Structure formats: C-alpha cells, structure tokens
Amino acid sequence: MSSERSSLRGRLPEIQTTDSKMTCVGRQKMKLGSKPLI
C-alpha cells in the first residue's frame, strides 16, 4: 500500500495537500474524541 500511495502522490500533488488537511482534521477529532472515550 505504501508504494501505491507514493506513486499517487507523485502523480497528483493535490492529493498530498488533501491528505495533510484530512490528517489535521483527523488529529483534531481524535483529540476531542479521546477525552470522552477515555
């Protein structure tokens, strides 16, 4: 899977930006969701 991701990033740099944005949002959600879960 890592090889496929690297090739996709090389083809479409836009995916890298979208991936970074989703990662930031996911981290914020995890931080907010980790409190009630724990």
PDB file of N, CA and C in Angstrom:
ATOM      1  N   MET A   1       0.836  -1.209   0.000  1.00  0.00           N
ATOM      2  CA  MET A   1       0.000   0.000   0.000  1.00  0.00           C
ATOM      3  C   MET A   1       0.872   1.262   0.000  1.00  0.00           C
ATOM      4  N   SER A   2       2.013   1.205   0.652  1.00  0.00           N
ATOM      5  CA  SER A   2       2.873   2.385   0.720  1.00  0.00           C
ATOM      6  C   SER A   2       3.356   2.758  -0.682  1.00  0.00           C
ATOM      7  N   SER A   3       3.679   1.746  -1.504  1.00  0.00           N
ATOM      8  CA  SER A   3       4.170   2.034  -2.857  1.00  0.00           C
ATOM      9  C   SER A   3       3.076   2.704  -3.679  1.00  0.00           C
ATOM     10  N   GLU A   4       1.833   2.249  -3.527  1.00  0.00           N
ATOM     11  CA  GLU A   4       0.732   2.854  -4.281  1.00  0.00           C
ATOM     12  C   GLU A   4       0.534   4.307  -3.858  1.00  0.00           C
ATOM     13  N   ARG A   5       0.614   4.569  -2.564  1.00  0.00           N
ATOM     14  CA  ARG A   5       0.418   5.946  -2.074  1.00  0.00           C
ATOM     15  C   ARG A   5       1.507   6.856  -2.626  1.00  0.00           C
ATOM     16  N   SER A   6       2.755   6.394  -2.604  1.00  0.00           N
ATOM     17  CA  SER A   6       3.856   7.232  -3.076  1.00  0.00           C
ATOM     18  C   SER A   6       3.665   7.555  -4.555  1.00  0.00           C
ATOM     19  N   SER A   7       3.225   6.576  -5.350  1.00  0.00           N
ATOM     20  CA  SER A   7       3.038   6.810  -6.786  1.00  0.00           C
ATOM     21  C   SER A   7       1.908   7.811  -7.003  1.00  0.00           C
ATOM     22  N   LEU A   8       0.831   7.679  -6.227  1.00  0.00           N
ATOM     23  CA  LEU A   8      -0.297   8.611  -6.370  1.00  0.00           C
ATOM     24  C   LEU A   8       0.150  10.026  -6.022  1.00  0.00           C
ATOM     25  N   ARG A   9       0.939  10.160  -4.974  1.00  0.00           N
ATOM     26  CA  ARG A   9       1.403  11.495  -4.564  1.00  0.00           C
ATOM     27  C   ARG A   9       2.274  12.088  -5.662  1.00  0.00           C
ATOM     28  N   GLY A  10       3.115  11.246  -6.273  1.00  0.00           N
ATOM     29  CA  GLY A  10       3.987  11.740  -7.338  1.00  0.00           C
ATOM     30  C   GLY A  10       3.177  12.196  -8.542  1.00  0.00           C
ATOM     31  N   ARG A  11       2.079  11.499  -8.825  1.00  0.00           N
ATOM     32  CA  ARG A  11       1.257  11.863  -9.990  1.00  0.00           C
ATOM     33  C   ARG A  11       0.431  13.115  -9.697  1.00  0.00           C
ATOM     34  N   LEU A  12      -0.266  13.109  -8.558  1.00  0.00           N
ATOM     35  CA  LEU A  12      -1.130  14.252  -8.229  1.00  0.00           C
ATOM     36  C   LEU A  12      -0.682  14.883  -6.916  1.00  0.00           C
ATOM     37  N   PRO A  13       0.035  16.003  -6.987  1.00  0.00           N
ATOM     38  CA  PRO A  13       0.476  16.687  -5.756  1.00  0.00           C
ATOM     39  C   PRO A  13      -0.709  17.200  -4.949  1.00  0.00           C
ATOM     40  N   GLU A  14      -1.865  17.352  -5.605  1.00  0.00           N
ATOM     41  CA  GLU A  14      -3.056  17.839  -4.886  1.00  0.00           C
ATOM     42  C   GLU A  14      -3.460  16.852  -3.799  1.00  0.00           C
ATOM     43  N   ILE A  15      -3.256  15.552  -4.067  1.00  0.00           N
ATOM     44  CA  ILE A  15      -3.632  14.529  -3.078  1.00  0.00           C
ATOM     45  C   ILE A  15      -2.835  14.756  -1.794  1.00  0.00           C
ATOM     46  N   GLN A  16      -1.581  15.164  -1.939  1.00  0.00           N
ATOM     47  CA  GLN A  16      -0.748  15.388  -0.748  1.00  0.00           C
ATOM     48  C   GLN A  16      -1.364  16.497   0.114  1.00  0.00           C
ATOM     49  N   THR A  17      -1.828  17.572  -0.531  1.00  0.00           N
ATOM     50  CA  THR A  17      -2.435  18.673   0.231  1.00  0.00           C
ATOM     51  C   THR A  17      -3.707  18.195   0.910  1.00  0.00           C
ATOM     52  N   THR A  18      -4.541  17.462   0.158  1.00  0.00           N
ATOM     53  CA  THR A  18      -5.797  16.964   0.733  1.00  0.00           C
ATOM     54  C   THR A  18      -5.497  15.999   1.871  1.00  0.00           C
ATOM     55  N   ASP A  19      -4.477  15.155   1.687  1.00  0.00           N
ATOM     56  CA  ASP A  19      -4.130  14.181   2.726  1.00  0.00           C
ATOM     57  C   ASP A  19      -3.682  14.904   3.993  1.00  0.00           C
ATOM     58  N   SER A  20      -2.874  15.942   3.837  1.00  0.00           N
ATOM     59  CA  SER A  20      -2.391  16.681   5.017  1.00  0.00           C
ATOM     60  C   SER A  20      -3.561  17.358   5.720  1.00  0.00           C
ATOM     61  N   LYS A  21      -4.505  17.890   4.941  1.00  0.00           N
ATOM     62  CA  LYS A  21      -5.669  18.551   5.554  1.00  0.00           C
ATOM     63  C   LYS A  21      -6.491  17.527   6.329  1.00  0.00           C
ATOM     64  N   MET A  22      -6.740  16.375   5.718  1.00  0.00           N
ATOM     65  CA  MET A  22      -7.543  15.344   6.383  1.00  0.00           C
ATOM     66  C   MET A  22      -6.824  14.866   7.642  1.00  0.00           C
ATOM     67  N   THR A  23      -5.489  14.807   7.581  1.00  0.00           N
ATOM     68  CA  THR A  23      -4.733  14.367   8.751  1.00  0.00           C
ATOM     69  C   THR A  23      -4.901  15.377   9.888  1.00  0.00           C
ATOM     70  N   CYS A  24      -4.842  16.663   9.559  1.00  0.00           N
ATOM     71  CA  CYS A  24      -5.017  17.700  10.596  1.00  0.00           C
ATOM     72  C   CYS A  24      -6.406  17.578  11.207  1.00  0.00           C
ATOM     73  N   VAL A  25      -7.425  17.425  10.367  1.00  0.00           N
ATOM     74  CA  VAL A  25      -8.804  17.312  10.868  1.00  0.00           C
ATOM     75  C   VAL A  25      -8.934  16.049  11.704  1.00  0.00           C
ATOM     76  N   GLY A  26      -8.329  14.962  11.241  1.00  0.00           N
ATOM     77  CA  GLY A  26      -8.410  13.699  11.982  1.00  0.00           C
ATOM     78  C   GLY A  26      -7.751  13.834  13.349  1.00  0.00           C
ATOM     79  N   ARG A  27      -6.637  14.551  13.416  1.00  0.00           N
ATOM     80  CA  ARG A  27      -5.954  14.732  14.713  1.00  0.00           C
ATOM     81  C   ARG A  27      -6.843  15.527  15.662  1.00  0.00           C
ATOM     82  N   GLN A  28      -7.471  16.587  15.144  1.00  0.00           N
ATOM     83  CA  GLN A  28      -8.356  17.403  15.995  1.00  0.00           C
ATOM     84  C   GLN A  28      -9.517  16.552  16.494  1.00  0.00           C
ATOM     85  N   LYS A  29     -10.104  15.736  15.601  1.00  0.00           N
ATOM     86  CA  LYS A  29     -11.237  14.897  16.006  1.00  0.00           C
ATOM     87  C   LYS A  29     -10.783  13.870  17.039  1.00  0.00           C
ATOM     88  N   MET A  30      -9.598  13.300  16.827  1.00  0.00           N
ATOM     89  CA  MET A  30      -9.088  12.298  17.776  1.00  0.00           C
ATOM     90  C   MET A  30      -8.868  12.953  19.139  1.00  0.00           C
ATOM     91  N   LYS A  31      -8.341  14.176  19.140  1.00  0.00           N
ATOM     92  CA  LYS A  31      -8.098  14.866  20.416  1.00  0.00           C
ATOM     93  C   LYS A  31      -9.428  15.091  21.138  1.00  0.00           C
ATOM     94  N   LEU A  32     -10.439  15.553  20.398  1.00  0.00           N
ATOM     95  CA  LEU A  32     -11.750  15.818  21.023  1.00  0.00           C
ATOM     96  C   LEU A  32     -12.418  14.503  21.412  1.00  0.00           C
ATOM     97  N   GLY A  33     -12.280  13.479  20.567  1.00  0.00           N
ATOM     98  CA  GLY A  33     -12.953  12.203  20.826  1.00  0.00           C
ATOM     99  C   GLY A  33     -12.219  11.372  21.868  1.00  0.00           C
ATOM    100  N   SER A  34     -10.928  11.617  22.062  1.00  0.00           N
ATOM    101  CA  SER A  34     -10.167  10.801  23.024  1.00  0.00           C
ATOM    102  C   SER A  34     -10.620  11.104  24.455  1.00  0.00           C
ATOM    103  N   LYS A  35     -11.077  12.308  24.715  1.00  0.00           N
ATOM    104  CA  LYS A  35     -11.480  12.660  26.090  1.00  0.00           C
ATOM    105  C   LYS A  35     -12.691  11.837  26.545  1.00  0.00           C
ATOM    106  N   PRO A  36     -13.814  11.851  25.818  1.00  0.00           N
ATOM    107  CA  PRO A  36     -14.986  11.076  26.251  1.00  0.00           C
ATOM    108  C   PRO A  36     -14.736   9.574  26.182  1.00  0.00           C
ATOM    109  N   LEU A  37     -13.935   9.134  25.216  1.00  0.00           N
ATOM    110  CA  LEU A  37     -13.666   7.694  25.071  1.00  0.00           C
ATOM    111  C   LEU A  37     -12.919   7.190  26.297  1.00  0.00           C
ATOM    112  N   ILE A  38     -11.928   7.969  26.740  1.00  0.00           N
ATOM    113  CA  ILE A  38     -11.144   7.540  27.904  1.00  0.00           C
ATOM    114  C   ILE A  38     -11.961   7.823  29.150  1.00  0.00           C
TER     115      ILE A  38
END
